[in-house]
Amino acid sequence: MVGRFERNKDTIQEVTESAATHVGAIAGIITGAVRDVTREIGELITDAIEMREAARAARDDDERAARDGEESGEGPATSDRRSAPPAE
């Protein structure tokens, strides 16, 4: 027969092992969530950088086109890319 002290020791041991298992599972969930959030933030920042670089390249192209137009005597180029309405 198992004494009271050993029963209590076994109960405490089981509770401690169970708690450690659950804490480990929770830590794994949190670690995965932090990893996923970090990845999404990184992708968001990458998108913003790419958009900024694309805007800068477009602005540089417009400035280059304006300079080329002035040098060839065509007058300043406009950034409005719509075509003029046909003359009647």
PDB file of N, CA and C in Angstrom:
ATOM      1  N   MET A   1       0.836  -1.172   0.000  1.00  0.00           N
ATOM      2  CA  MET A   1       0.000   0.000   0.000  1.00  0.00           C
ATOM      3  C   MET A   1       0.891   1.250   0.000  1.00  0.00           C
ATOM      4  N   VAL A   2       0.426   2.280  -0.755  1.00  0.00           N
ATOM      5  CA  VAL A   2       1.171   3.521  -0.896  1.00  0.00           C
ATOM      6  C   VAL A   2       0.757   4.458   0.230  1.00  0.00           C
ATOM      7  N   GLY A   3       1.755   5.066   0.858  1.00  0.00           N
ATOM      8  CA  GLY A   3       1.470   5.989   1.952  1.00  0.00           C
ATOM      9  C   GLY A   3       1.017   7.354   1.440  1.00  0.00           C
ATOM     10  N   ARG A   4       0.502   8.127   2.361  1.00  0.00           N
ATOM     11  CA  ARG A   4      -0.020   9.468   2.044  1.00  0.00           C
ATOM     12  C   ARG A   4       1.074  10.353   1.458  1.00  0.00           C
ATOM     13  N   PHE A   5       2.264  10.341   2.009  1.00  0.00           N
ATOM     14  CA  PHE A   5       3.360  11.173   1.527  1.00  0.00           C
ATOM     15  C   PHE A   5       3.685  10.837   0.074  1.00  0.00           C
ATOM     16  N   GLU A   6       3.767   9.545  -0.260  1.00  0.00           N
ATOM     17  CA  GLU A   6       4.109   9.146  -1.631  1.00  0.00           C
ATOM     18  C   GLU A   6       2.995   9.517  -2.606  1.00  0.00           C
ATOM     19  N   ARG A   7       1.729   9.379  -2.175  1.00  0.00           N
ATOM     20  CA  ARG A   7       0.604   9.804  -3.027  1.00  0.00           C
ATOM     21  C   ARG A   7       0.701  11.293  -3.337  1.00  0.00           C
ATOM     22  N   ASN A   8       0.967  12.084  -2.324  1.00  0.00           N
ATOM     23  CA  ASN A   8       1.089  13.531  -2.525  1.00  0.00           C
ATOM     24  C   ASN A   8       2.264  13.862  -3.443  1.00  0.00           C
ATOM     25  N   LYS A   9       3.386  13.142  -3.239  1.00  0.00           N
ATOM     26  CA  LYS A   9       4.542  13.348  -4.105  1.00  0.00           C
ATOM     27  C   LYS A   9       4.197  13.012  -5.541  1.00  0.00           C
ATOM     28  N   ASP A  10       3.509  11.903  -5.789  1.00  0.00           N
ATOM     29  CA  ASP A  10       3.117  11.499  -7.146  1.00  0.00           C
ATOM     30  C   ASP A  10       2.160  12.514  -7.777  1.00  0.00           C
ATOM     31  N   THR A  11       1.228  13.021  -6.963  1.00  0.00           N
ATOM     32  CA  THR A  11       0.285  14.020  -7.474  1.00  0.00           C
ATOM     33  C   THR A  11       1.028  15.293  -7.871  1.00  0.00           C
ATOM     34  N   ILE A  12       1.908  15.768  -7.025  1.00  0.00           N
ATOM     35  CA  ILE A  12       2.678  16.979  -7.329  1.00  0.00           C
ATOM     36  C   ILE A  12       3.539  16.755  -8.570  1.00  0.00           C
ATOM     37  N   GLN A  13       4.132  15.584  -8.681  1.00  0.00           N
ATOM     38  CA  GLN A  13       4.963  15.270  -9.843  1.00  0.00           C
ATOM     39  C   GLN A  13       4.133  15.292 -11.118  1.00  0.00           C
ATOM     40  N   GLU A  14       2.977  14.671 -11.108  1.00  0.00           N
ATOM     41  CA  GLU A  14       2.101  14.643 -12.291  1.00  0.00           C
ATOM     42  C   GLU A  14       1.637  16.052 -12.671  1.00  0.00           C
ATOM     43  N   VAL A  15       1.246  16.829 -11.683  1.00  0.00           N
ATOM     44  CA  VAL A  15       0.793  18.196 -11.946  1.00  0.00           C
ATOM     45  C   VAL A  15       1.943  19.015 -12.536  1.00  0.00           C
ATOM     46  N   THR A  16       3.139  18.874 -11.995  1.00  0.00           N
ATOM     47  CA  THR A  16       4.292  19.619 -12.486  1.00  0.00           C
ATOM     48  C   THR A  16       4.625  19.218 -13.919  1.00  0.00           C
ATOM     49  N   GLU A  17       4.614  17.911 -14.203  1.00  0.00           N
ATOM     50  CA  GLU A  17       4.898  17.440 -15.560  1.00  0.00           C
ATOM     51  C   GLU A  17       3.841  17.941 -16.544  1.00  0.00           C
ATOM     52  N   SER A  18       2.589  17.879 -16.134  1.00  0.00           N
ATOM     53  CA  SER A  18       1.500  18.356 -16.995  1.00  0.00           C
ATOM     54  C   SER A  18       1.633  19.856 -17.254  1.00  0.00           C
ATOM     55  N   ALA A  19       1.935  20.608 -16.220  1.00  0.00           N
ATOM     56  CA  ALA A  19       2.099  22.063 -16.375  1.00  0.00           C
ATOM     57  C   ALA A  19       3.257  22.361 -17.314  1.00  0.00           C
ATOM     58  N   ALA A  20       4.365  21.636 -17.157  1.00  0.00           N
ATOM     59  CA  ALA A  20       5.521  21.862 -18.024  1.00  0.00           C
ATOM     60  C   ALA A  20       5.170  21.560 -19.476  1.00  0.00           C
ATOM     61  N   THR A  21       4.422  20.499 -19.701  1.00  0.00           N
ATOM     62  CA  THR A  21       4.005  20.149 -21.068  1.00  0.00           C
ATOM     63  C   THR A  21       3.136  21.250 -21.670  1.00  0.00           C
ATOM     64  N   HIS A  22       2.167  21.747 -20.895  1.00  0.00           N
ATOM     65  CA  HIS A  22       1.276  22.793 -21.404  1.00  0.00           C
ATOM     66  C   HIS A  22       2.010  24.113 -21.610  1.00  0.00           C
ATOM     67  N   VAL A  23       2.900  24.456 -20.693  1.00  0.00           N
ATOM     68  CA  VAL A  23       3.680  25.684 -20.842  1.00  0.00           C
ATOM     69  C   VAL A  23       4.548  25.586 -22.098  1.00  0.00           C
ATOM     70  N   GLY A  24       5.126  24.414 -22.336  1.00  0.00           N
ATOM     71  CA  GLY A  24       5.926  24.212 -23.544  1.00  0.00           C
ATOM     72  C   GLY A  24       5.092  24.376 -24.806  1.00  0.00           C
ATOM     73  N   ALA A  25       3.881  23.821 -24.795  1.00  0.00           N
ATOM     74  CA  ALA A  25       2.997  23.959 -25.959  1.00  0.00           C
ATOM     75  C   ALA A  25       2.609  25.421 -26.176  1.00  0.00           C
ATOM     76  N   ILE A  26       2.310  26.117 -25.099  1.00  0.00           N
ATOM     77  CA  ILE A  26       1.953  27.541 -25.200  1.00  0.00           C
ATOM     78  C   ILE A  26       3.140  28.346 -25.722  1.00  0.00           C
ATOM     79  N   ALA A  27       4.340  28.032 -25.232  1.00  0.00           N
ATOM     80  CA  ALA A  27       5.540  28.733 -25.700  1.00  0.00           C
ATOM     81  C   ALA A  27       5.750  28.497 -27.191  1.00  0.00           C
ATOM     82  N   GLY A  28       5.477  27.263 -27.645  1.00  0.00           N
ATOM     83  CA  GLY A  28       5.582  26.968 -29.082  1.00  0.00           C
ATOM     84  C   GLY A  28       4.594  27.781 -29.896  1.00  0.00           C
ATOM     85  N   ILE A  29       3.382  27.913 -29.399  1.00  0.00           N
ATOM     86  CA  ILE A  29       2.359  28.712 -30.090  1.00  0.00           C
ATOM     87  C   ILE A  29       2.795  30.171 -30.162  1.00  0.00           C
ATOM     88  N   ILE A  30       3.283  30.695 -29.033  1.00  0.00           N
ATOM     89  CA  ILE A  30       3.715  32.096 -29.004  1.00  0.00           C
ATOM     90  C   ILE A  30       4.909  32.305 -29.930  1.00  0.00           C
ATOM     91  N   THR A  31       5.852  31.374 -29.904  1.00  0.00           N
ATOM     92  CA  THR A  31       7.023  31.484 -30.780  1.00  0.00           C
ATOM     93  C   THR A  31       6.602  31.510 -32.241  1.00  0.00           C
ATOM     94  N   GLY A  32       5.673  30.633 -32.620  1.00  0.00           N
ATOM     95  CA  GLY A  32       5.173  30.610 -33.999  1.00  0.00           C
ATOM     96  C   GLY A  32       4.474  31.906 -34.366  1.00  0.00           C
ATOM     97  N   ALA A  33       3.698  32.441 -33.429  1.00  0.00           N
ATOM     98  CA  ALA A  33       2.984  33.691 -33.700  1.00  0.00           C
ATOM     99  C   ALA A  33       3.972  34.847 -33.876  1.00  0.00           C
ATOM    100  N   VAL A  34       4.975  34.911 -33.019  1.00  0.00           N
ATOM    101  CA  VAL A  34       5.980  35.979 -33.138  1.00  0.00           C
ATOM    102  C   VAL A  34       6.702  35.853 -34.473  1.00  0.00           C
ATOM    103  N   ARG A  35       7.052  34.626 -34.852  1.00  0.00           N
ATOM    104  CA  ARG A  35       7.728  34.401 -36.136  1.00  0.00           C
ATOM    105  C   ARG A  35       6.850  34.872 -37.291  1.00  0.00           C
ATOM    106  N   ASP A  36       5.565  34.502 -37.267  1.00  0.00           N
ATOM    107  CA  ASP A  36       4.656  34.888 -38.350  1.00  0.00           C
ATOM    108  C   ASP A  36       4.461  36.396 -38.415  1.00  0.00           C
ATOM    109  N   VAL A  37       4.304  37.034 -37.260  1.00  0.00           N
ATOM    110  CA  VAL A  37       4.128  38.494 -37.234  1.00  0.00           C
ATOM    111  C   VAL A  37       5.389  39.183 -37.754  1.00  0.00           C
ATOM    112  N   THR A  38       6.552  38.685 -37.337  1.00  0.00           N
ATOM    113  CA  THR A  38       7.806  39.267 -37.806  1.00  0.00           C
ATOM    114  C   THR A  38       7.935  39.138 -39.313  1.00  0.00           C
ATOM    115  N   ARG A  39       7.567  37.993 -39.858  1.00  0.00           N
ATOM    116  CA  ARG A  39       7.631  37.782 -41.305  1.00  0.00           C
ATOM    117  C   ARG A  39       6.698  38.754 -42.026  1.00  0.00           C
ATOM    118  N   GLU A  40       5.480  38.925 -41.528  1.00  0.00           N
ATOM    119  CA  GLU A  40       4.527  39.839 -42.169  1.00  0.00           C
ATOM    120  C   GLU A  40       5.018  41.282 -42.115  1.00  0.00           C
ATOM    121  N   ILE A  41       5.575  41.688 -40.986  1.00  0.00           N
ATOM    122  CA  ILE A  41       6.100  43.054 -40.874  1.00  0.00           C
ATOM    123  C   ILE A  41       7.253  43.245 -41.858  1.00  0.00           C
ATOM    124  N   GLY A  42       8.120  42.252 -41.970  1.00  0.00           N
ATOM    125  CA  GLY A  42       9.230  42.329 -42.921  1.00  0.00           C
ATOM    126  C   GLY A  42       8.742  42.449 -44.350  1.00  0.00           C
ATOM    127  N   GLU A  43       7.711  41.679 -44.703  1.00  0.00           N
ATOM    128  CA  GLU A  43       7.165  41.754 -46.061  1.00  0.00           C
ATOM    129  C   GLU A  43       6.513  43.110 -46.312  1.00  0.00           C
ATOM    130  N   LEU A  44       5.846  43.656 -45.307  1.00  0.00           N
ATOM    131  CA  LEU A  44       5.232  44.981 -45.436  1.00  0.00           C
ATOM    132  C   LEU A  44       6.305  46.038 -45.682  1.00  0.00           C
ATOM    133  N   ILE A  45       7.385  45.981 -44.924  1.00  0.00           N
ATOM    134  CA  ILE A  45       8.466  46.951 -45.101  1.00  0.00           C
ATOM    135  C   ILE A  45       9.112  46.787 -46.474  1.00  0.00           C
ATOM    136  N   THR A  46       9.292  45.534 -46.910  1.00  0.00           N
ATOM    137  CA  THR A  46       9.853  45.285 -48.238  1.00  0.00           C
ATOM    138  C   THR A  46       8.959  45.892 -49.317  1.00  0.00           C
ATOM    139  N   ASP A  47       7.646  45.712 -49.197  1.00  0.00           N
ATOM    140  CA  ASP A  47       6.717  46.301 -50.166  1.00  0.00           C
ATOM    141  C   ASP A  47       6.847  47.819 -50.187  1.00  0.00           C
ATOM    142  N   ALA A  48       6.940  48.427 -49.008  1.00  0.00           N
ATOM    143  CA  ALA A  48       7.058  49.888 -48.938  1.00  0.00           C
ATOM    144  C   ALA A  48       8.354  50.355 -49.601  1.00  0.00           C
ATOM    145  N   ILE A  49       9.442  49.640 -49.372  1.00  0.00           N
ATOM    146  CA  ILE A  49      10.719  50.001 -49.994  1.00  0.00           C
ATOM    147  C   ILE A  49      10.618  49.890 -51.507  1.00  0.00           C
ATOM    148  N   GLU A  50      10.011  48.807 -51.991  1.00  0.00           N
ATOM    149  CA  GLU A  50       9.871  48.627 -53.437  1.00  0.00           C
ATOM    150  C   GLU A  50       9.010  49.719 -54.056  1.00  0.00           C
ATOM    151  N   MET A  51       7.936  50.117 -53.363  1.00  0.00           N
ATOM    152  CA  MET A  51       7.082  51.187 -53.875  1.00  0.00           C
ATOM    153  C   MET A  51       7.829  52.518 -53.908  1.00  0.00           C
ATOM    154  N   ARG A  52       8.625  52.778 -52.864  1.00  0.00           N
ATOM    155  CA  ARG A  52       9.408  54.013 -52.818  1.00  0.00           C
ATOM    156  C   ARG A  52      10.429  54.040 -53.954  1.00  0.00           C
ATOM    157  N   GLU A  53      11.081  52.906 -54.186  1.00  0.00           N
ATOM    158  CA  GLU A  53      12.064  52.840 -55.269  1.00  0.00           C
ATOM    159  C   GLU A  53      11.401  52.997 -56.635  1.00  0.00           C
ATOM    160  N   ALA A  54      10.212  52.415 -56.813  1.00  0.00           N
ATOM    161  CA  ALA A  54       9.492  52.556 -58.081  1.00  0.00           C
ATOM    162  C   ALA A  54       9.066  54.009 -58.301  1.00  0.00           C
ATOM    163  N   ALA A  55       8.620  54.665 -57.231  1.00  0.00           N
ATOM    164  CA  ALA A  55       8.230  56.074 -57.347  1.00  0.00           C
ATOM    165  C   ALA A  55       9.446  56.936 -57.685  1.00  0.00           C
ATOM    166  N   ARG A  56      10.571  56.642 -57.063  1.00  0.00           N
ATOM    167  CA  ARG A  56      11.799  57.393 -57.340  1.00  0.00           C
ATOM    168  C   ARG A  56      12.229  57.185 -58.791  1.00  0.00           C
ATOM    169  N   ALA A  57      12.146  55.939 -59.286  1.00  0.00           N
ATOM    170  CA  ALA A  57      12.525  55.657 -60.670  1.00  0.00           C
ATOM    171  C   ALA A  57      11.593  56.380 -61.643  1.00  0.00           C
ATOM    172  N   ALA A  58      10.309  56.416 -61.335  1.00  0.00           N
ATOM    173  CA  ALA A  58       9.354  57.119 -62.204  1.00  0.00           C
ATOM    174  C   ALA A  58       9.641  58.619 -62.215  1.00  0.00           C
ATOM    175  N   ARG A  59       9.934  59.173 -61.037  1.00  0.00           N
ATOM    176  CA  ARG A  59      10.261  60.599 -60.961  1.00  0.00           C
ATOM    177  C   ARG A  59      11.537  60.901 -61.744  1.00  0.00           C
ATOM    178  N   ASP A  60      12.539  60.042 -61.600  1.00  0.00           N
ATOM    179  CA  ASP A  60      13.786  60.230 -62.347  1.00  0.00           C
ATOM    180  C   ASP A  60      13.539  60.152 -63.848  1.00  0.00           C
ATOM    181  N   ASP A  61      12.678  59.223 -64.278  1.00  0.00           N
ATOM    182  CA  ASP A  61      12.347  59.110 -65.702  1.00  0.00           C
ATOM    183  C   ASP A  61      11.660  60.384 -66.203  1.00  0.00           C
ATOM    184  N   ASP A  62      10.736  60.917 -65.396  1.00  0.00           N
ATOM    185  CA  ASP A  62      10.053  62.158 -65.793  1.00  0.00           C
ATOM    186  C   ASP A  62      11.039  63.319 -65.894  1.00  0.00           C
ATOM    187  N   GLU A  63      11.948  63.406 -64.922  1.00  0.00           N
ATOM    188  CA  GLU A  63      12.939  64.488 -64.950  1.00  0.00           C
ATOM    189  C   GLU A  63      13.869  64.330 -66.150  1.00  0.00           C
ATOM    190  N   ARG A  64      14.265  63.106 -66.439  1.00  0.00           N
ATOM    191  CA  ARG A  64      15.139  62.846 -67.582  1.00  0.00           C
ATOM    192  C   ARG A  64      14.414  63.197 -68.884  1.00  0.00           C
ATOM    193  N   ALA A  65      13.136  62.835 -68.981  1.00  0.00           N
ATOM    194  CA  ALA A  65      12.363  63.149 -70.182  1.00  0.00           C
ATOM    195  C   ALA A  65      12.208  64.658 -70.344  1.00  0.00           C
ATOM    196  N   ALA A  66      12.022  65.365 -69.240  1.00  0.00           N
ATOM    197  CA  ALA A  66      11.885  66.821 -69.300  1.00  0.00           C
ATOM    198  C   ALA A  66      13.188  67.452 -69.775  1.00  0.00           C
ATOM    199  N   ARG A  67      14.325  66.981 -69.264  1.00  0.00           N
ATOM    200  CA  ARG A  67      15.625  67.520 -69.687  1.00  0.00           C
ATOM    201  C   ARG A  67      15.885  67.209 -71.154  1.00  0.00           C
ATOM    202  N   ASP A  68      15.584  65.976 -71.569  1.00  0.00           N
ATOM    203  CA  ASP A  68      15.806  65.599 -72.966  1.00  0.00           C
ATOM    204  C   ASP A  68      14.936  66.426 -73.900  1.00  0.00           C
ATOM    205  N   GLY A  69      13.704  66.715 -73.490  1.00  0.00           N
ATOM    206  CA  GLY A  69      12.810  67.519 -74.311  1.00  0.00           C
ATOM    207  C   GLY A  69      13.290  68.945 -74.435  1.00  0.00           C
ATOM    208  N   GLU A  70      13.812  69.514 -73.362  1.00  0.00           N
ATOM    209  CA  GLU A  70      14.322  70.884 -73.388  1.00  0.00           C
ATOM    210  C   GLU A  70      15.583  70.976 -74.241  1.00  0.00           C
ATOM    211  N   GLU A  71      16.436  69.971 -74.176  1.00  0.00           N
ATOM    212  CA  GLU A  71      17.682  69.992 -74.939  1.00  0.00           C
ATOM    213  C   GLU A  71      17.426  69.852 -76.433  1.00  0.00           C
ATOM    214  N   SER A  72      16.364  69.159 -76.822  1.00  0.00           N
ATOM    215  CA  SER A  72      16.099  68.961 -78.242  1.00  0.00           C
ATOM    216  C   SER A  72      15.255  70.096 -78.828  1.00  0.00           C
ATOM    217  N   GLY A  73      14.876  71.054 -77.999  1.00  0.00           N
ATOM    218  CA  GLY A  73      14.112  72.190 -78.482  1.00  0.00           C
ATOM    219  C   GLY A  73      12.621  71.942 -78.548  1.00  0.00           C
ATOM    220  N   GLU A  74      12.168  70.849 -78.000  1.00  0.00           N
ATOM    221  CA  GLU A  74      10.737  70.525 -78.028  1.00  0.00           C
ATOM    222  C   GLU A  74       9.980  71.215 -76.907  1.00  0.00           C
ATOM    223  N   GLY A  75      10.675  71.896 -76.053  1.00  0.00           N
ATOM    224  CA  GLY A  75      10.019  72.540 -74.928  1.00  0.00           C
ATOM    225  C   GLY A  75       9.942  71.563 -73.773  1.00  0.00           C
ATOM    226  N   PRO A  76       9.508  72.035 -72.657  1.00  0.00           N
ATOM    227  CA  PRO A  76       9.455  71.162 -71.475  1.00  0.00           C
ATOM    228  C   PRO A  76       8.430  70.061 -71.668  1.00  0.00           C
ATOM    229  N   ALA A  77       8.828  68.882 -71.280  1.00  0.00           N
ATOM    230  CA  ALA A  77       7.899  67.748 -71.339  1.00  0.00           C
ATOM    231  C   ALA A  77       6.993  67.820 -70.126  1.00  0.00           C
ATOM    232  N   THR A  78       5.782  67.380 -70.292  1.00  0.00           N
ATOM    233  CA  THR A  78       4.850  67.387 -69.177  1.00  0.00           C
ATOM    234  C   THR A  78       4.743  65.985 -68.626  1.00  0.00           C
ATOM    235  N   SER A  79       4.388  65.917 -67.365  1.00  0.00           N
ATOM    236  CA  SER A  79       4.217  64.611 -66.749  1.00  0.00           C
ATOM    237  C   SER A  79       2.819  64.071 -67.016  1.00  0.00           C
ATOM    238  N   ASP A  80       1.952  64.895 -67.642  1.00  0.00           N
ATOM    239  CA  ASP A  80       0.605  64.445 -67.992  1.00  0.00           C
ATOM    240  C   ASP A  80       0.706  63.564 -69.225  1.00  0.00           C
ATOM    241  N   ARG A  81       0.421  62.311 -69.097  1.00  0.00           N
ATOM    242  CA  ARG A  81       0.607  61.362 -70.186  1.00  0.00           C
ATOM    243  C   ARG A  81      -0.663  61.166 -71.022  1.00  0.00           C
ATOM    244  N   ARG A  82      -1.702  61.934 -70.721  1.00  0.00           N
ATOM    245  CA  ARG A  82      -2.928  61.834 -71.515  1.00  0.00           C
ATOM    246  C   ARG A  82      -2.719  62.500 -72.860  1.00  0.00           C
ATOM    247  N   SER A  83      -3.325  61.965 -73.878  1.00  0.00           N
ATOM    248  CA  SER A  83      -3.180  62.572 -75.200  1.00  0.00           C
ATOM    249  C   SER A  83      -4.162  63.729 -75.334  1.00  0.00           C
ATOM    250  N   ALA A  84      -3.761  64.696 -76.135  1.00  0.00           N
ATOM    251  CA  ALA A  84      -4.607  65.871 -76.357  1.00  0.00           C
ATOM    252  C   ALA A  84      -5.809  65.457 -77.227  1.00  0.00           C
ATOM    253  N   PRO A  85      -6.930  66.123 -77.053  1.00  0.00           N
ATOM    254  CA  PRO A  85      -8.098  65.777 -77.891  1.00  0.00           C
ATOM    255  C   PRO A  85      -7.814  66.127 -79.353  1.00  0.00           C
ATOM    256  N   PRO A  86      -8.360  65.377 -80.284  1.00  0.00           N
ATOM    257  CA  PRO A  86      -8.105  65.627 -81.703  1.00  0.00           C
ATOM    258  C   PRO A  86      -8.635  67.007 -82.130  1.00  0.00           C
ATOM    259  N   ALA A  87      -7.909  67.652 -82.994  1.00  0.00           N
ATOM    260  CA  ALA A  87      -8.317  68.960 -83.504  1.00  0.00           C
ATOM    261  C   ALA A  87      -9.446  68.772 -84.520  1.00  0.00           C
ATOM    262  N   GLU A  88     -10.391  69.684 -84.509  1.00  0.00           N
ATOM    263  CA  GLU A  88     -11.532  69.564 -85.438  1.00  0.00           C
ATOM    264  C   GLU A  88     -11.321  70.370 -86.669  1.00  0.00           C
TER     265      GLU A  88
END
